[in-house]
Amino acid sequence: MKEVRPKASAVRKTAGGTKPAAAETKEEPEEKTAGFGKKSLDDYDPEMRKLILAEMRKAERRRKLLIFLLVLITLGGFGAYGLYYMNAGKGDDRGGELSHLVGNDVLANMPDKGDGSSQYVATVVDEKGLEVKLEVLEKYKTLYYLNKDLIGWLKIDDTNIDGPVMQADDNEYYLSHNFDRDEDKAGTLFLDSRCDIVRGNDNFIIYGHHLQSGRMFSKLGEYESEAYYDKHPYILFDTIYEEGRYQVMYAFRSRVYDADEVVFKYYQFLDAASEEEFYSNLAEMKRLSYYDTGVTAVYGDRLLTLSTCDYNEENGRFVVVAKKIQ
């Protein structure tokens, strides 16, 4: 029988005998050590270990600092949220206090503070050149004593719009100050600085903030609904010199335009230069209005415009216009 010998490539001689050829032997490849994850710290020299540990400590400090900042931001957010509504609650409380001072004569006879707050009579020259004296209504004397910027009181029945109306030398101050002249992001309702409650205007414009808390003019936008108008057709606006009742005519959205834009700007309509201009302004407001109330005005009627921010567009405004009926 013929002897079968292995091929020369199958074995190779060594000093200790024979061993399988490399082709048949699977030796473990040498371990790759790129990156920290494949080596332990003990595999590095002492100097490198120090550098690695230092970097690890820095990374841990950054992680802890990030967590701390996130917690701080979260707590700050909740704190600001709580403070906002706490201040809103204080504002509501103060509004109630001011309401109780209407008709209260406790301070009406206090001594003059030197700022005109105890001077309740204004003198105006009428169309015939005669002097007419206007006296602050008795029910508003106490409030006027507390702040001579008071020019009236605005109220819409069955709503939270019920508060003092102020007037400053500009249209900025009462955006960020309350009745007590304290800084307050909610501000307070105020009459356009160009208006004159003594001599009167064709159109009084009153501004107020639109706030998440629901204060000031936040609910004014409800007039977009005709059903809401049906339930709230009247606005009570007293100046400090006379009472007034107004009926809503129009409700519409507009915005603050650039000075060079040729377009109807409701906030520029204080006095009409002519009968034609008066009716032209009315026509523009009627065109913009969400619905037809059926209420009209004639030249010589006194109008009242309420304006607040509207966030449907940049520099948007929501506007309600009414005419005086009493």
C-alpha atoms as a PDB file:
ATOM      1  CA  MET A   1       0.000   0.000   0.000  1.00  0.00           C
ATOM      2  CA  LYS A   2       1.388   3.378  -1.021  1.00  0.00           C
ATOM      3  CA  GLU A   3       2.362   5.665   1.846  1.00  0.00           C
ATOM      4  CA  VAL A   4       0.582   8.998   1.882  1.00  0.00           C
ATOM      5  CA  ARG A   5       2.823  11.798   2.954  1.00  0.00           C
ATOM      6  CA  PRO A   6       1.658  15.278   3.855  1.00  0.00           C
ATOM      7  CA  LYS A   7       2.515  18.039   1.485  1.00  0.00           C
ATOM      8  CA  ALA A   8       5.580  20.030   2.341  1.00  0.00           C
ATOM      9  CA  SER A   9       3.451  23.139   2.808  1.00  0.00           C
ATOM     10  CA  ALA A  10       1.314  21.473   5.483  1.00  0.00           C
ATOM     11  CA  VAL A  11       4.071  21.261   8.078  1.00  0.00           C
ATOM     12  CA  ARG A  12       7.319  22.926   8.822  1.00  0.00           C
ATOM     13  CA  LYS A  13      10.236  21.843  10.855  1.00  0.00           C
ATOM     14  CA  THR A  14      11.145  23.594  14.045  1.00  0.00           C
ATOM     15  CA  ALA A  15      13.716  22.958  16.653  1.00  0.00           C
ATOM     16  CA  GLY A  16      11.115  21.302  18.773  1.00  0.00           C
ATOM     17  CA  GLY A  17       9.575  19.221  16.035  1.00  0.00           C
ATOM     18  CA  THR A  18       6.770  20.082  13.657  1.00  0.00           C
ATOM     19  CA  LYS A  19       3.908  22.569  13.956  1.00  0.00           C
ATOM     20  CA  PRO A  20       1.034  23.466  11.621  1.00  0.00           C
ATOM     21  CA  ALA A  21       1.758  25.884   8.819  1.00  0.00           C
ATOM     22  CA  ALA A  22       0.771  29.548   9.236  1.00  0.00           C
ATOM     23  CA  ALA A  23      -2.057  29.090   6.746  1.00  0.00           C
ATOM     24  CA  GLU A  24      -3.757  26.759   9.170  1.00  0.00           C
ATOM     25  CA  THR A  25      -2.989  28.731  12.332  1.00  0.00           C
ATOM     26  CA  LYS A  26      -5.172  31.659  13.459  1.00  0.00           C
ATOM     27  CA  GLU A  27      -3.066  33.809  15.674  1.00  0.00           C
ATOM     28  CA  GLU A  28      -4.789  36.585  17.714  1.00  0.00           C
ATOM     29  CA  PRO A  29      -4.210  39.962  16.019  1.00  0.00           C
ATOM     30  CA  GLU A  30      -2.365  42.567  17.981  1.00  0.00           C
ATOM     31  CA  GLU A  31      -4.796  44.751  20.009  1.00  0.00           C
ATOM     32  CA  LYS A  32      -5.428  48.204  18.571  1.00  0.00           C
ATOM     33  CA  THR A  33      -5.190  50.880  21.228  1.00  0.00           C
ATOM     34  CA  ALA A  34      -6.526  53.984  19.589  1.00  0.00           C
ATOM     35  CA  GLY A  35      -8.628  55.972  22.117  1.00  0.00           C
ATOM     36  CA  PHE A  36      -9.097  55.716  25.874  1.00  0.00           C
ATOM     37  CA  GLY A  37     -11.851  53.141  25.604  1.00  0.00           C
ATOM     38  CA  LYS A  38      -9.509  50.383  24.432  1.00  0.00           C
ATOM     39  CA  LYS A  39      -6.875  50.912  27.115  1.00  0.00           C
ATOM     40  CA  SER A  40      -6.902  51.214  30.861  1.00  0.00           C
ATOM     41  CA  LEU A  41      -5.154  54.073  32.597  1.00  0.00           C
ATOM     42  CA  ASP A  42      -2.483  51.632  33.752  1.00  0.00           C
ATOM     43  CA  ASP A  43      -1.360  51.257  30.143  1.00  0.00           C
ATOM     44  CA  TYR A  44      -0.190  54.877  30.058  1.00  0.00           C
ATOM     45  CA  ASP A  45       2.866  56.406  31.557  1.00  0.00           C
ATOM     46  CA  PRO A  46       2.394  58.494  34.736  1.00  0.00           C
ATOM     47  CA  GLU A  47       2.553  61.844  32.936  1.00  0.00           C
ATOM     48  CA  MET A  48      -0.116  60.836  30.412  1.00  0.00           C
ATOM     49  CA  ARG A  49      -2.310  59.456  33.219  1.00  0.00           C
ATOM     50  CA  LYS A  50      -2.219  62.855  34.901  1.00  0.00           C
ATOM     51  CA  LEU A  51      -3.300  64.597  31.691  1.00  0.00           C
ATOM     52  CA  ILE A  52      -6.111  62.120  31.103  1.00  0.00           C
ATOM     53  CA  LEU A  53      -7.396  62.432  34.672  1.00  0.00           C
ATOM     54  CA  ALA A  54      -7.260  66.216  34.458  1.00  0.00           C
ATOM     55  CA  GLU A  55      -9.363  66.180  31.277  1.00  0.00           C
ATOM     56  CA  MET A  56     -11.859  63.796  32.863  1.00  0.00           C
ATOM     57  CA  ARG A  57     -12.200  66.043  35.907  1.00  0.00           C
ATOM     58  CA  LYS A  58     -12.759  69.069  33.637  1.00  0.00           C
ATOM     59  CA  ALA A  59     -15.461  67.214  31.706  1.00  0.00           C
ATOM     60  CA  GLU A  60     -17.199  66.249  34.953  1.00  0.00           C
ATOM     61  CA  ARG A  61     -17.086  69.825  36.221  1.00  0.00           C
ATOM     62  CA  ARG A  62     -18.586  71.050  32.927  1.00  0.00           C
ATOM     63  CA  ARG A  63     -21.346  68.463  33.184  1.00  0.00           C
ATOM     64  CA  LYS A  64     -22.205  69.471  36.753  1.00  0.00           C
ATOM     65  CA  LEU A  65     -22.129  73.157  35.840  1.00  0.00           C
ATOM     66  CA  LEU A  66     -24.486  72.543  32.910  1.00  0.00           C
ATOM     67  CA  ILE A  67     -26.915  70.657  35.151  1.00  0.00           C
ATOM     68  CA  PHE A  68     -26.740  73.461  37.723  1.00  0.00           C
ATOM     69  CA  LEU A  69     -27.459  76.113  35.079  1.00  0.00           C
ATOM     70  CA  LEU A  70     -30.395  74.134  33.686  1.00  0.00           C
ATOM     71  CA  VAL A  71     -31.869  73.772  37.163  1.00  0.00           C
ATOM     72  CA  LEU A  72     -31.293  77.464  37.822  1.00  0.00           C
ATOM     73  CA  ILE A  73     -32.977  78.470  34.555  1.00  0.00           C
ATOM     74  CA  THR A  74     -35.937  76.185  35.280  1.00  0.00           C
ATOM     75  CA  LEU A  75     -36.362  77.552  38.797  1.00  0.00           C
ATOM     76  CA  GLY A  76     -35.981  81.103  37.471  1.00  0.00           C
ATOM     77  CA  GLY A  77     -38.677  80.445  34.888  1.00  0.00           C
ATOM     78  CA  PHE A  78     -41.085  79.138  37.502  1.00  0.00           C
ATOM     79  CA  GLY A  79     -40.164  82.039  39.765  1.00  0.00           C
ATOM     80  CA  ALA A  80     -40.806  84.628  37.063  1.00  0.00           C
ATOM     81  CA  TYR A  81     -44.075  82.914  36.183  1.00  0.00           C
ATOM     82  CA  GLY A  82     -45.161  82.979  39.815  1.00  0.00           C
ATOM     83  CA  LEU A  83     -44.030  86.584  40.281  1.00  0.00           C
ATOM     84  CA  TYR A  84     -45.920  87.636  37.156  1.00  0.00           C
ATOM     85  CA  TYR A  85     -49.180  86.221  38.434  1.00  0.00           C
ATOM     86  CA  MET A  86     -48.522  87.409  41.962  1.00  0.00           C
ATOM     87  CA  ASN A  87     -48.080  90.949  40.634  1.00  0.00           C
ATOM     88  CA  ALA A  88     -51.148  90.479  38.463  1.00  0.00           C
ATOM     89  CA  GLY A  89     -53.068  89.564  41.607  1.00  0.00           C
ATOM     90  CA  LYS A  90     -51.724  92.632  43.373  1.00  0.00           C
ATOM     91  CA  GLY A  91     -52.791  94.741  40.415  1.00  0.00           C
ATOM     92  CA  ASP A  92     -56.307  93.332  40.615  1.00  0.00           C
ATOM     93  CA  ASP A  93     -56.379  94.056  44.345  1.00  0.00           C
ATOM     94  CA  ARG A  94     -55.221  97.622  43.774  1.00  0.00           C
ATOM     95  CA  GLY A  95     -57.823  98.037  41.055  1.00  0.00           C
ATOM     96  CA  GLY A  96     -60.472  97.019  43.554  1.00  0.00           C
ATOM     97  CA  GLU A  97     -59.123  99.503  46.086  1.00  0.00           C
ATOM     98  CA  LEU A  98     -59.287 102.311  43.546  1.00  0.00           C
ATOM     99  CA  SER A  99     -62.858 101.359  42.645  1.00  0.00           C
ATOM    100  CA  HIS A 100     -63.815 101.742  46.287  1.00  0.00           C
ATOM    101  CA  LEU A 101     -62.318 105.222  46.325  1.00  0.00           C
ATOM    102  CA  VAL A 102     -64.707 106.373  43.600  1.00  0.00           C
ATOM    103  CA  GLY A 103     -67.311 108.403  45.431  1.00  0.00           C
ATOM    104  CA  ASN A 104     -65.254 108.366  48.625  1.00  0.00           C
ATOM    105  CA  ASP A 105     -64.657 111.905  49.937  1.00  0.00           C
ATOM    106  CA  VAL A 106     -62.182 110.996  52.691  1.00  0.00           C
ATOM    107  CA  LEU A 107     -59.314 112.829  50.971  1.00  0.00           C
ATOM    108  CA  ALA A 108     -61.286 115.417  49.053  1.00  0.00           C
ATOM    109  CA  ASN A 109     -60.701 118.172  51.596  1.00  0.00           C
ATOM    110  CA  MET A 110     -57.072 117.447  52.364  1.00  0.00           C
ATOM    111  CA  PRO A 111     -54.607 120.379  52.204  1.00  0.00           C
ATOM    112  CA  ASP A 112     -53.040 121.422  48.911  1.00  0.00           C
ATOM    113  CA  LYS A 113     -49.922 119.359  48.116  1.00  0.00           C
ATOM    114  CA  GLY A 114     -48.623 122.061  45.822  1.00  0.00           C
ATOM    115  CA  ASP A 115     -49.091 120.004  42.658  1.00  0.00           C
ATOM    116  CA  GLY A 116     -52.585 121.136  41.773  1.00  0.00           C
ATOM    117  CA  SER A 117     -54.172 117.960  43.117  1.00  0.00           C
ATOM    118  CA  SER A 118     -56.413 119.979  45.449  1.00  0.00           C
ATOM    119  CA  GLN A 119     -57.507 122.397  42.728  1.00  0.00           C
ATOM    120  CA  TYR A 120     -60.693 120.866  41.397  1.00  0.00           C
ATOM    121  CA  VAL A 121     -61.781 123.610  39.002  1.00  0.00           C
ATOM    122  CA  ALA A 122     -60.525 124.173  35.452  1.00  0.00           C
ATOM    123  CA  THR A 123     -61.317 127.203  33.342  1.00  0.00           C
ATOM    124  CA  VAL A 124     -61.961 126.939  29.623  1.00  0.00           C
ATOM    125  CA  VAL A 125     -62.960 129.487  27.005  1.00  0.00           C
ATOM    126  CA  ASP A 126     -65.944 128.332  24.962  1.00  0.00           C
ATOM    127  CA  GLU A 127     -66.663 128.978  21.271  1.00  0.00           C
ATOM    128  CA  LYS A 128     -68.216 132.332  22.112  1.00  0.00           C
ATOM    129  CA  GLY A 129     -65.137 133.515  23.959  1.00  0.00           C
ATOM    130  CA  LEU A 130     -66.748 133.143  27.374  1.00  0.00           C
ATOM    131  CA  GLU A 131     -64.966 131.582  30.313  1.00  0.00           C
ATOM    132  CA  VAL A 132     -66.522 128.348  31.558  1.00  0.00           C
ATOM    133  CA  LYS A 133     -65.481 126.719  34.812  1.00  0.00           C
ATOM    134  CA  LEU A 134     -65.347 122.933  34.982  1.00  0.00           C
ATOM    135  CA  GLU A 135     -65.227 121.271  38.384  1.00  0.00           C
ATOM    136  CA  VAL A 136     -63.953 117.766  39.050  1.00  0.00           C
ATOM    137  CA  LEU A 137     -66.909 115.485  39.720  1.00  0.00           C
ATOM    138  CA  GLU A 138     -67.333 114.859  43.416  1.00  0.00           C
ATOM    139  CA  LYS A 139     -66.886 111.096  43.056  1.00  0.00           C
ATOM    140  CA  TYR A 140     -63.423 111.491  41.498  1.00  0.00           C
ATOM    141  CA  LYS A 141     -61.956 114.131  43.815  1.00  0.00           C
ATOM    142  CA  THR A 142     -60.291 111.619  46.122  1.00  0.00           C
ATOM    143  CA  LEU A 143     -58.602 109.820  43.235  1.00  0.00           C
ATOM    144  CA  TYR A 144     -57.591 113.131  41.682  1.00  0.00           C
ATOM    145  CA  TYR A 145     -56.018 114.151  44.965  1.00  0.00           C
ATOM    146  CA  LEU A 146     -53.933 110.967  44.944  1.00  0.00           C
ATOM    147  CA  ASN A 147     -52.743 111.519  41.371  1.00  0.00           C
ATOM    148  CA  LYS A 148     -53.494 114.641  39.359  1.00  0.00           C
ATOM    149  CA  ASP A 149     -52.758 112.722  36.135  1.00  0.00           C
ATOM    150  CA  LEU A 150     -56.184 111.163  36.505  1.00  0.00           C
ATOM    151  CA  ILE A 151     -58.450 112.288  33.656  1.00  0.00           C
ATOM    152  CA  GLY A 152     -61.315 109.829  33.923  1.00  0.00           C
ATOM    153  CA  TRP A 153     -62.698 106.344  34.515  1.00  0.00           C
ATOM    154  CA  LEU A 154     -63.510 103.630  31.953  1.00  0.00           C
ATOM    155  CA  LYS A 155     -65.913 100.754  32.499  1.00  0.00           C
ATOM    156  CA  ILE A 156     -67.546  98.080  30.332  1.00  0.00           C
ATOM    157  CA  ASP A 157     -70.271  96.255  32.237  1.00  0.00           C
ATOM    158  CA  ASP A 158     -69.791  92.542  32.942  1.00  0.00           C
ATOM    159  CA  THR A 159     -66.077  92.687  32.055  1.00  0.00           C
ATOM    160  CA  ASN A 160     -62.889  93.349  34.002  1.00  0.00           C
ATOM    161  CA  ILE A 161     -62.366  96.605  32.100  1.00  0.00           C
ATOM    162  CA  ASP A 162     -63.089  98.922  34.983  1.00  0.00           C
ATOM    163  CA  GLY A 163     -60.434 101.368  36.072  1.00  0.00           C
ATOM    164  CA  PRO A 164     -58.856 104.812  36.069  1.00  0.00           C
ATOM    165  CA  VAL A 165     -57.645 106.494  32.904  1.00  0.00           C
ATOM    166  CA  MET A 166     -54.491 108.582  33.163  1.00  0.00           C
ATOM    167  CA  GLN A 167     -52.757 111.114  30.933  1.00  0.00           C
ATOM    168  CA  ALA A 168     -49.094 112.122  30.864  1.00  0.00           C
ATOM    169  CA  ASP A 169     -47.092 114.521  28.717  1.00  0.00           C
ATOM    170  CA  ASP A 170     -46.164 111.616  26.439  1.00  0.00           C
ATOM    171  CA  ASN A 171     -47.572 108.244  25.439  1.00  0.00           C
ATOM    172  CA  GLU A 172     -44.775 106.281  27.110  1.00  0.00           C
ATOM    173  CA  TYR A 173     -44.988 106.898  30.847  1.00  0.00           C
ATOM    174  CA  TYR A 174     -48.161 104.955  31.665  1.00  0.00           C
ATOM    175  CA  LEU A 175     -47.099 102.050  29.496  1.00  0.00           C
ATOM    176  CA  SER A 176     -44.841 101.076  32.387  1.00  0.00           C
ATOM    177  CA  HIS A 177     -46.293 102.854  35.446  1.00  0.00           C
ATOM    178  CA  ASN A 178     -49.442 102.279  37.436  1.00  0.00           C
ATOM    179  CA  PHE A 179     -51.843 104.682  39.109  1.00  0.00           C
ATOM    180  CA  ASP A 180     -49.463 105.085  42.067  1.00  0.00           C
ATOM    181  CA  ARG A 181     -46.632 106.018  39.665  1.00  0.00           C
ATOM    182  CA  ASP A 182     -44.794 102.818  40.581  1.00  0.00           C
ATOM    183  CA  GLU A 183     -43.009 100.957  37.802  1.00  0.00           C
ATOM    184  CA  ASP A 184     -45.339  98.241  36.588  1.00  0.00           C
ATOM    185  CA  LYS A 185     -45.077  96.297  33.313  1.00  0.00           C
ATOM    186  CA  ALA A 186     -48.869  96.141  33.205  1.00  0.00           C
ATOM    187  CA  GLY A 187     -48.990  99.931  33.073  1.00  0.00           C
ATOM    188  CA  THR A 188     -52.464 101.439  33.250  1.00  0.00           C
ATOM    189  CA  LEU A 189     -55.077 102.768  30.850  1.00  0.00           C
ATOM    190  CA  PHE A 190     -54.175 106.196  29.492  1.00  0.00           C
ATOM    191  CA  LEU A 191     -55.540 108.854  27.170  1.00  0.00           C
ATOM    192  CA  ASP A 192     -53.474 109.940  24.184  1.00  0.00           C
ATOM    193  CA  SER A 193     -51.293 112.856  25.264  1.00  0.00           C
ATOM    194  CA  ARG A 194     -52.615 114.957  22.341  1.00  0.00           C
ATOM    195  CA  CYS A 195     -56.190 114.832  23.618  1.00  0.00           C
ATOM    196  CA  ASP A 196     -57.733 117.632  25.685  1.00  0.00           C
ATOM    197  CA  ILE A 197     -60.511 116.646  28.071  1.00  0.00           C
ATOM    198  CA  VAL A 198     -61.180 120.286  28.962  1.00  0.00           C
ATOM    199  CA  ARG A 199     -61.770 121.598  25.446  1.00  0.00           C
ATOM    200  CA  GLY A 200     -62.680 118.227  23.982  1.00  0.00           C
ATOM    201  CA  ASN A 201     -61.802 116.431  20.745  1.00  0.00           C
ATOM    202  CA  ASP A 202     -63.756 114.782  17.981  1.00  0.00           C
ATOM    203  CA  ASN A 203     -62.178 111.513  19.088  1.00  0.00           C
ATOM    204  CA  PHE A 204     -60.647 110.487  22.414  1.00  0.00           C
ATOM    205  CA  ILE A 205     -58.132 107.634  22.085  1.00  0.00           C
ATOM    206  CA  ILE A 206     -57.410 105.431  25.100  1.00  0.00           C
ATOM    207  CA  TYR A 207     -54.605 102.854  25.121  1.00  0.00           C
ATOM    208  CA  GLY A 208     -54.035  99.795  27.288  1.00  0.00           C
ATOM    209  CA  HIS A 209     -51.831  96.696  27.330  1.00  0.00           C
ATOM    210  CA  HIS A 210     -52.883  93.246  26.171  1.00  0.00           C
ATOM    211  CA  LEU A 211     -51.670  90.967  28.996  1.00  0.00           C
ATOM    212  CA  GLN A 212     -51.692  87.219  29.590  1.00  0.00           C
ATOM    213  CA  SER A 213     -53.152  87.871  33.020  1.00  0.00           C
ATOM    214  CA  GLY A 214     -56.288  89.285  31.404  1.00  0.00           C
ATOM    215  CA  ARG A 215     -55.875  92.759  32.895  1.00  0.00           C
ATOM    216  CA  MET A 216     -56.167  96.144  31.200  1.00  0.00           C
ATOM    217  CA  PHE A 217     -57.400  95.771  27.578  1.00  0.00           C
ATOM    218  CA  SER A 218     -56.660  92.045  27.239  1.00  0.00           C
ATOM    219  CA  LYS A 219     -60.336  91.243  26.670  1.00  0.00           C
ATOM    220  CA  LEU A 220     -60.894  93.982  24.113  1.00  0.00           C
ATOM    221  CA  GLY A 221     -60.273  91.525  21.286  1.00  0.00           C
ATOM    222  CA  GLU A 222     -63.473  89.705  22.262  1.00  0.00           C
ATOM    223  CA  TYR A 223     -65.262  92.365  20.226  1.00  0.00           C
ATOM    224  CA  GLU A 224     -64.179  90.482  17.124  1.00  0.00           C
ATOM    225  CA  SER A 225     -67.295  88.407  17.814  1.00  0.00           C
ATOM    226  CA  GLU A 226     -70.606  90.054  17.007  1.00  0.00           C
ATOM    227  CA  ALA A 227     -72.194  87.940  19.726  1.00  0.00           C
ATOM    228  CA  TYR A 228     -69.846  89.551  22.246  1.00  0.00           C
ATOM    229  CA  TYR A 229     -70.779  92.990  20.936  1.00  0.00           C
ATOM    230  CA  ASP A 230     -74.473  92.136  21.357  1.00  0.00           C
ATOM    231  CA  LYS A 231     -73.818  91.499  25.051  1.00  0.00           C
ATOM    232  CA  HIS A 232     -71.524  94.528  25.535  1.00  0.00           C
ATOM    233  CA  PRO A 233     -72.768  97.321  23.236  1.00  0.00           C
ATOM    234  CA  TYR A 234     -72.053 100.183  25.661  1.00  0.00           C
ATOM    235  CA  ILE A 235     -68.933 101.716  27.149  1.00  0.00           C
ATOM    236  CA  LEU A 236     -68.980 104.048  30.133  1.00  0.00           C
ATOM    237  CA  PHE A 237     -66.280 106.694  30.013  1.00  0.00           C
ATOM    238  CA  ASP A 238     -66.370 109.582  32.435  1.00  0.00           C
ATOM    239  CA  THR A 239     -63.867 112.377  32.267  1.00  0.00           C
ATOM    240  CA  ILE A 240     -63.184 113.852  35.679  1.00  0.00           C
ATOM    241  CA  TYR A 241     -65.512 116.703  34.644  1.00  0.00           C
ATOM    242  CA  GLU A 242     -68.493 114.897  33.133  1.00  0.00           C
ATOM    243  CA  GLU A 243     -70.070 111.474  32.848  1.00  0.00           C
ATOM    244  CA  GLY A 244     -70.343 109.780  29.479  1.00  0.00           C
ATOM    245  CA  ARG A 245     -72.016 106.790  27.888  1.00  0.00           C
ATOM    246  CA  TYR A 246     -70.912 105.508  24.484  1.00  0.00           C
ATOM    247  CA  GLN A 247     -72.296 102.982  22.013  1.00  0.00           C
ATOM    248  CA  VAL A 248     -69.932 100.726  20.086  1.00  0.00           C
ATOM    249  CA  MET A 249     -69.845 101.345  16.336  1.00  0.00           C
ATOM    250  CA  TYR A 250     -66.841  99.457  14.949  1.00  0.00           C
ATOM    251  CA  ALA A 251     -64.388  96.732  15.910  1.00  0.00           C
ATOM    252  CA  PHE A 252     -61.407  96.032  13.687  1.00  0.00           C
ATOM    253  CA  ARG A 253     -57.739  95.120  13.434  1.00  0.00           C
ATOM    254  CA  SER A 254     -55.091  97.515  12.237  1.00  0.00           C
ATOM    255  CA  ARG A 255     -51.430  98.191  12.903  1.00  0.00           C
ATOM    256  CA  VAL A 256     -48.911 100.964  13.423  1.00  0.00           C
ATOM    257  CA  TYR A 257     -47.712 101.995   9.964  1.00  0.00           C
ATOM    258  CA  ASP A 258     -44.492 103.583   8.807  1.00  0.00           C
ATOM    259  CA  ALA A 259     -44.662 107.371   8.615  1.00  0.00           C
ATOM    260  CA  ASP A 260     -44.380 107.406   4.828  1.00  0.00           C
ATOM    261  CA  GLU A 261     -47.146 104.854   4.216  1.00  0.00           C
ATOM    262  CA  VAL A 262     -50.230 106.428   2.683  1.00  0.00           C
ATOM    263  CA  VAL A 263     -53.005 104.554   4.451  1.00  0.00           C
ATOM    264  CA  PHE A 264     -55.751 105.196   7.019  1.00  0.00           C
ATOM    265  CA  LYS A 265     -54.135 105.487  10.442  1.00  0.00           C
ATOM    266  CA  TYR A 266     -56.829 105.407  13.112  1.00  0.00           C
ATOM    267  CA  TYR A 267     -54.413 106.740  15.755  1.00  0.00           C
ATOM    268  CA  GLN A 268     -54.040 110.023  13.867  1.00  0.00           C
ATOM    269  CA  PHE A 269     -57.766 110.770  13.955  1.00  0.00           C
ATOM    270  CA  LEU A 270     -58.274 113.129  16.895  1.00  0.00           C
ATOM    271  CA  ASP A 271     -59.966 116.077  15.222  1.00  0.00           C
ATOM    272  CA  ALA A 272     -61.340 116.278  11.703  1.00  0.00           C
ATOM    273  CA  ALA A 273     -60.370 119.388   9.774  1.00  0.00           C
ATOM    274  CA  SER A 274     -63.694 119.319   7.958  1.00  0.00           C
ATOM    275  CA  GLU A 275     -67.014 117.519   7.779  1.00  0.00           C
ATOM    276  CA  GLU A 276     -65.737 115.666   4.713  1.00  0.00           C
ATOM    277  CA  GLU A 277     -62.688 114.402   6.614  1.00  0.00           C
ATOM    278  CA  PHE A 278     -64.880 113.285   9.521  1.00  0.00           C
ATOM    279  CA  TYR A 279     -67.057 111.112   7.285  1.00  0.00           C
ATOM    280  CA  SER A 280     -64.037 109.837   5.377  1.00  0.00           C
ATOM    281  CA  ASN A 281     -62.550 108.521   8.636  1.00  0.00           C
ATOM    282  CA  LEU A 282     -65.853 106.902   9.574  1.00  0.00           C
ATOM    283  CA  ALA A 283     -66.025 105.202   6.181  1.00  0.00           C
ATOM    284  CA  GLU A 284     -62.535 103.744   6.621  1.00  0.00           C
ATOM    285  CA  MET A 285     -63.367 102.362  10.059  1.00  0.00           C
ATOM    286  CA  LYS A 286     -66.628 100.890   8.820  1.00  0.00           C
ATOM    287  CA  ARG A 287     -64.795  99.223   5.944  1.00  0.00           C
ATOM    288  CA  LEU A 288     -62.383  97.568   8.396  1.00  0.00           C
ATOM    289  CA  SER A 289     -65.041  96.568  10.937  1.00  0.00           C
ATOM    290  CA  TYR A 290     -65.827  92.875  11.451  1.00  0.00           C
ATOM    291  CA  TYR A 291     -69.578  93.492  11.378  1.00  0.00           C
ATOM    292  CA  ASP A 292     -72.173  96.178  10.863  1.00  0.00           C
ATOM    293  CA  THR A 293     -73.588  97.342  14.183  1.00  0.00           C
ATOM    294  CA  GLY A 294     -76.079  99.642  12.487  1.00  0.00           C
ATOM    295  CA  VAL A 295     -74.800 102.477  14.689  1.00  0.00           C
ATOM    296  CA  THR A 296     -73.843 105.652  12.814  1.00  0.00           C
ATOM    297  CA  ALA A 297     -72.439 109.038  13.760  1.00  0.00           C
ATOM    298  CA  VAL A 298     -72.897 112.529  12.359  1.00  0.00           C
ATOM    299  CA  TYR A 299     -70.459 115.390  12.180  1.00  0.00           C
ATOM    300  CA  GLY A 300     -70.233 116.942  15.623  1.00  0.00           C
ATOM    301  CA  ASP A 301     -70.626 113.667  17.535  1.00  0.00           C
ATOM    302  CA  ARG A 302     -67.937 112.800  20.065  1.00  0.00           C
ATOM    303  CA  LEU A 303     -66.144 109.501  19.466  1.00  0.00           C
ATOM    304  CA  LEU A 304     -64.150 107.204  21.747  1.00  0.00           C
ATOM    305  CA  THR A 305     -61.467 104.821  20.470  1.00  0.00           C
ATOM    306  CA  LEU A 306     -60.001 102.004  22.576  1.00  0.00           C
ATOM    307  CA  SER A 307     -56.724 100.537  21.311  1.00  0.00           C
ATOM    308  CA  THR A 308     -54.575  97.602  22.415  1.00  0.00           C
ATOM    309  CA  CYS A 309     -51.806  95.414  21.017  1.00  0.00           C
ATOM    310  CA  ASP A 310     -52.744  92.519  18.764  1.00  0.00           C
ATOM    311  CA  TYR A 311     -50.307  89.698  18.085  1.00  0.00           C
ATOM    312  CA  ASN A 312     -51.719  88.475  14.787  1.00  0.00           C
ATOM    313  CA  GLU A 313     -49.123  90.593  13.000  1.00  0.00           C
ATOM    314  CA  GLU A 314     -46.106  92.757  13.754  1.00  0.00           C
ATOM    315  CA  ASN A 315     -47.141  96.047  15.394  1.00  0.00           C
ATOM    316  CA  GLY A 316     -50.737  94.858  15.215  1.00  0.00           C
ATOM    317  CA  ARG A 317     -53.553  96.634  17.046  1.00  0.00           C
ATOM    318  CA  PHE A 318     -57.124  95.754  17.951  1.00  0.00           C
ATOM    319  CA  VAL A 319     -59.461  98.739  17.955  1.00  0.00           C
ATOM    320  CA  VAL A 320     -62.984  99.451  19.196  1.00  0.00           C
ATOM    321  CA  VAL A 321     -64.691 102.729  18.286  1.00  0.00           C
ATOM    322  CA  ALA A 322     -67.823 104.103  19.953  1.00  0.00           C
ATOM    323  CA  LYS A 323     -69.872 107.315  19.832  1.00  0.00           C
ATOM    324  CA  LYS A 324     -71.133 109.316  22.772  1.00  0.00           C
ATOM    325  CA  ILE A 325     -74.901 109.000  23.288  1.00  0.00           C
ATOM    326  CA  GLN A 326     -75.230 110.603  26.724  1.00  0.00           C
END
